[in-house]
N, C-alpha and C. Protein backbone atom coordinates (compact mmCIF):
# COMPACT_ATOMS: atom_id res chain seq x y z
N MET A 1 23.49 13.09 14.85
CA MET A 1 23.31 11.85 13.78
C MET A 1 21.04 12.48 13.02
N ALA A 2 21.00 12.35 12.10
CA ALA A 2 19.19 13.31 11.56
C ALA A 2 18.56 12.36 13.21
N LYS A 3 17.22 12.59 12.78
CA LYS A 3 16.05 12.21 12.75
C LYS A 3 15.25 11.42 11.78
N LEU A 4 15.93 9.92 11.88
CA LEU A 4 14.56 9.70 10.86
C LEU A 4 13.04 9.58 10.93
N LYS A 5 12.15 9.79 10.15
CA LYS A 5 10.89 10.28 10.42
C LYS A 5 10.48 9.07 10.82
N LEU A 6 10.62 7.85 10.79
CA LEU A 6 9.92 6.05 10.24
C LEU A 6 10.61 5.97 11.49
N GLY A 7 8.86 5.32 12.91
CA GLY A 7 9.36 5.14 13.90
C GLY A 7 9.25 3.59 13.93
N PRO A 8 9.41 2.95 15.03
CA PRO A 8 9.63 1.04 15.22
C PRO A 8 8.59 0.80 14.43
N ILE A 9 8.96 -0.34 13.50
CA ILE A 9 7.97 -1.48 12.74
C ILE A 9 6.92 -2.23 13.97
N VAL A 10 5.91 -2.32 13.46
CA VAL A 10 4.46 -2.84 14.33
C VAL A 10 4.16 -3.78 13.29
N ASP A 11 4.14 -5.52 13.55
CA ASP A 11 3.45 -6.38 13.22
C ASP A 11 2.29 -5.73 13.50
N ASP A 12 1.53 -6.95 11.94
CA ASP A 12 -0.16 -6.94 11.55
C ASP A 12 -0.17 -7.88 10.92
N LYS A 13 -1.48 -8.12 11.14
CA LYS A 13 -1.82 -9.26 10.07
C LYS A 13 -2.13 -8.87 8.19
N PRO A 14 -1.10 -9.63 7.99
CA PRO A 14 -0.67 -8.74 6.00
C PRO A 14 -1.50 -8.60 4.69
N VAL A 15 -1.77 -8.42 4.20
CA VAL A 15 -2.34 -8.65 2.77
C VAL A 15 -1.27 -8.37 1.99
N LYS A 16 -1.29 -9.79 1.06
CA LYS A 16 -0.24 -9.56 0.41
C LYS A 16 -0.46 -8.46 -1.25
N VAL A 17 0.09 -8.20 -1.47
CA VAL A 17 1.01 -7.41 -2.51
C VAL A 17 2.38 -7.15 -3.42
N SER A 18 2.43 -7.74 -4.64
CA SER A 18 3.44 -8.19 -4.82
C SER A 18 3.45 -6.96 -5.85
N VAL A 19 4.84 -5.80 -6.29
CA VAL A 19 5.08 -4.90 -6.26
C VAL A 19 6.80 -5.17 -6.94
N GLU A 20 6.75 -4.40 -8.36
CA GLU A 20 8.07 -3.95 -8.74
C GLU A 20 8.75 -2.60 -7.73
N LEU A 21 10.23 -2.71 -7.59
CA LEU A 21 10.67 -1.56 -7.25
C LEU A 21 12.39 -1.23 -8.19
N PRO A 22 12.05 0.13 -9.05
CA PRO A 22 13.29 -0.23 -9.89
C PRO A 22 14.82 -0.33 -8.59
N ALA A 23 15.73 -0.56 -9.08
CA ALA A 23 17.14 -0.93 -8.37
C ALA A 23 17.46 0.26 -6.99
N ALA A 24 17.35 1.53 -7.48
CA ALA A 24 17.85 2.56 -7.14
C ALA A 24 16.90 2.78 -5.99
N LEU A 25 15.84 3.13 -5.89
CA LEU A 25 14.58 2.27 -5.27
C LEU A 25 15.16 1.63 -4.10
N HIS A 26 15.10 0.27 -4.58
CA HIS A 26 15.58 -0.84 -3.50
C HIS A 26 16.89 -0.31 -2.55
N ARG A 27 18.17 0.44 -3.54
CA ARG A 27 19.20 0.23 -3.26
C ARG A 27 18.94 1.42 -1.70
N ASP A 28 18.60 2.48 -2.30
CA ASP A 28 17.45 3.22 -1.05
C ASP A 28 17.12 2.81 -0.11
N LEU A 29 16.01 2.63 0.01
CA LEU A 29 15.88 1.30 0.98
C LEU A 29 16.17 0.76 1.80
N ALA A 30 17.30 -0.44 1.49
CA ALA A 30 18.37 -0.86 1.91
C ALA A 30 18.93 -0.19 3.02
N ALA A 31 18.88 1.27 1.97
CA ALA A 31 20.18 2.24 2.65
C ALA A 31 19.97 2.55 4.16
N TYR A 32 18.26 3.00 3.58
CA TYR A 32 17.40 3.47 5.64
C TYR A 32 17.08 2.72 5.69
N ALA A 33 17.19 1.27 5.59
CA ALA A 33 17.11 -0.55 7.10
C ALA A 33 18.14 0.34 7.46
N GLU A 34 18.72 0.12 6.82
CA GLU A 34 20.75 0.10 7.77
C GLU A 34 20.48 1.67 9.02
N ALA A 35 20.54 2.20 8.69
CA ALA A 35 20.34 3.63 9.58
C ALA A 35 19.67 3.36 10.21
N LEU A 36 18.52 3.06 10.32
CA LEU A 36 16.94 2.99 10.91
C LEU A 36 17.52 1.85 12.84
N GLY A 37 18.11 0.56 11.04
CA GLY A 37 18.43 -0.07 12.15
C GLY A 37 19.76 0.34 13.33
N ARG A 38 20.21 1.02 12.92
CA ARG A 38 21.48 1.45 14.11
C ARG A 38 21.37 2.87 14.64
N GLU A 39 19.91 3.92 14.45
CA GLU A 39 19.47 4.67 15.26
C GLU A 39 18.36 3.88 16.85
N GLN A 40 18.05 2.06 16.06
CA GLN A 40 16.78 2.15 16.68
C GLN A 40 18.22 0.94 18.18
N GLY A 41 19.25 0.55 17.35
CA GLY A 41 20.16 -0.37 17.57
C GLY A 41 19.51 -1.73 18.33
N GLN A 42 18.55 -2.06 16.53
CA GLN A 42 18.07 -3.17 16.60
C GLN A 42 18.21 -3.28 14.90
N PRO A 43 19.10 -4.17 14.39
CA PRO A 43 18.76 -4.42 12.77
C PRO A 43 17.69 -4.61 12.34
N ILE A 44 17.43 -4.40 11.19
CA ILE A 44 16.31 -4.28 10.17
C ILE A 44 16.80 -6.06 9.01
N ALA A 45 15.77 -7.21 9.18
CA ALA A 45 16.95 -7.86 8.32
C ALA A 45 16.09 -7.72 6.82
N ASP A 46 15.18 -7.33 6.81
CA ASP A 46 14.56 -6.67 4.96
C ASP A 46 13.98 -6.18 5.10
N PRO A 47 14.99 -4.76 4.31
CA PRO A 47 14.67 -3.60 4.31
C PRO A 47 13.38 -3.67 3.83
N VAL A 48 12.93 -4.61 2.93
CA VAL A 48 11.71 -5.04 2.50
C VAL A 48 9.88 -4.54 3.62
N LYS A 49 10.12 -4.75 4.77
CA LYS A 49 9.58 -4.44 6.08
C LYS A 49 8.94 -2.84 5.78
N LEU A 50 10.44 -1.71 5.57
CA LEU A 50 9.67 -0.67 5.72
C LEU A 50 8.92 0.26 4.90
N ILE A 51 8.28 -1.05 3.83
CA ILE A 51 7.61 -0.04 3.05
C ILE A 51 6.55 0.76 3.70
N VAL A 52 6.20 -0.65 3.82
CA VAL A 52 4.21 -0.42 4.86
C VAL A 52 4.37 0.71 5.60
N PRO A 53 5.37 0.72 6.60
CA PRO A 53 5.15 2.18 7.82
C PRO A 53 5.75 3.57 7.11
N MET A 54 6.34 3.58 5.84
CA MET A 54 6.44 3.94 4.75
C MET A 54 5.63 4.76 4.60
N LEU A 55 4.66 3.50 3.31
CA LEU A 55 3.08 4.39 3.19
C LEU A 55 2.60 4.97 4.65
N GLU A 56 2.31 4.33 5.73
CA GLU A 56 1.46 4.43 6.39
C GLU A 56 1.41 6.15 6.65
N ARG A 57 3.10 6.43 7.06
CA ARG A 57 3.25 7.73 7.54
C ARG A 57 3.20 9.02 6.59
N PHE A 58 3.84 7.92 4.97
CA PHE A 58 3.79 9.33 3.68
C PHE A 58 1.26 9.84 4.25
N ILE A 59 0.93 8.72 4.02
CA ILE A 59 -0.54 9.09 4.15
C ILE A 59 -0.99 9.90 5.25
N ALA A 60 -0.61 9.20 6.30
CA ALA A 60 -0.92 10.47 7.77
C ALA A 60 -0.45 11.69 7.76
N THR A 61 0.75 11.69 7.04
CA THR A 61 0.84 13.43 7.06
C THR A 61 1.03 13.97 5.38
N ASP A 62 -0.21 13.39 5.14
CA ASP A 62 -0.14 14.41 3.28
C ASP A 62 -1.67 14.84 3.71
N ARG A 63 -1.51 16.50 3.94
CA ARG A 63 -1.98 17.47 4.44
C ARG A 63 -3.76 17.29 3.24
N GLY A 64 -3.12 17.25 2.45
CA GLY A 64 -4.48 17.41 0.67
C GLY A 64 -5.07 16.62 0.40
N PHE A 65 -4.00 14.86 0.99
CA PHE A 65 -4.80 13.34 1.44
C PHE A 65 -6.19 13.53 2.47
N SER A 66 -5.78 14.00 4.19
CA SER A 66 -6.22 14.70 4.65
C SER A 66 -7.72 15.11 4.84
N LYS A 67 -7.73 16.61 4.08
CA LYS A 67 -8.54 17.40 3.60
C LYS A 67 -9.38 16.79 3.04
N THR A 68 -9.19 16.07 1.57
CA THR A 68 -9.90 14.90 0.55
C THR A 68 -10.60 14.08 0.99
N ARG A 69 -9.66 13.30 2.48
CA ARG A 69 -10.09 12.40 2.78
C ARG A 69 -12.00 12.43 3.94
N ARG A 70 -11.48 14.05 4.65
CA ARG A 70 -12.68 14.29 5.58
C ARG A 70 -13.53 14.92 4.72
N ALA A 71 -13.47 15.33 3.81
CA ALA A 71 -14.20 15.87 2.64
C ALA A 71 -15.38 14.94 2.72
N SER A 72 -14.70 14.14 1.89
CA SER A 72 -15.83 13.12 1.54
C SER A 72 -16.39 12.31 2.73
N SER A 73 -15.42 12.13 3.45
CA SER A 73 -16.46 11.54 4.87
C SER A 73 -17.77 12.20 5.12
N VAL A 74 -17.67 13.74 5.68
CA VAL A 74 -18.98 14.49 5.41
C VAL A 74 -20.21 14.62 5.02
N GLY A 75 -19.82 14.05 3.26
CA GLY A 75 -20.40 14.32 1.83
C GLY A 75 -21.14 12.94 2.29
N SER A 76 -20.93 12.29 2.46
CA SER A 76 -21.29 10.49 2.94
C SER A 76 -21.50 10.65 3.87
N GLN A 77 -22.04 11.21 5.14
CA GLN A 77 -22.12 10.97 6.41
C GLN A 77 -23.89 11.48 5.51
N THR A 78 -24.58 12.75 4.96
CA THR A 78 -25.71 13.29 4.60
C THR A 78 -26.55 12.48 3.57
């Protein structure tokens, strides 16, 4: 079985955001939730809960964004 990029889902104080997903993306999200539930041994009741950790992972591993963020924080410190 392939190792999924997403780890355990952490609860945190949420900020309400409303977004519309294309049906195909929602189906993929549900399939990912099912695969992740099997991998972790606990079902994921609501696939929408995967969106936040997926976005966090995406941002954390985007080297271009990290570089831009570092450059802008260095510029704002002077």
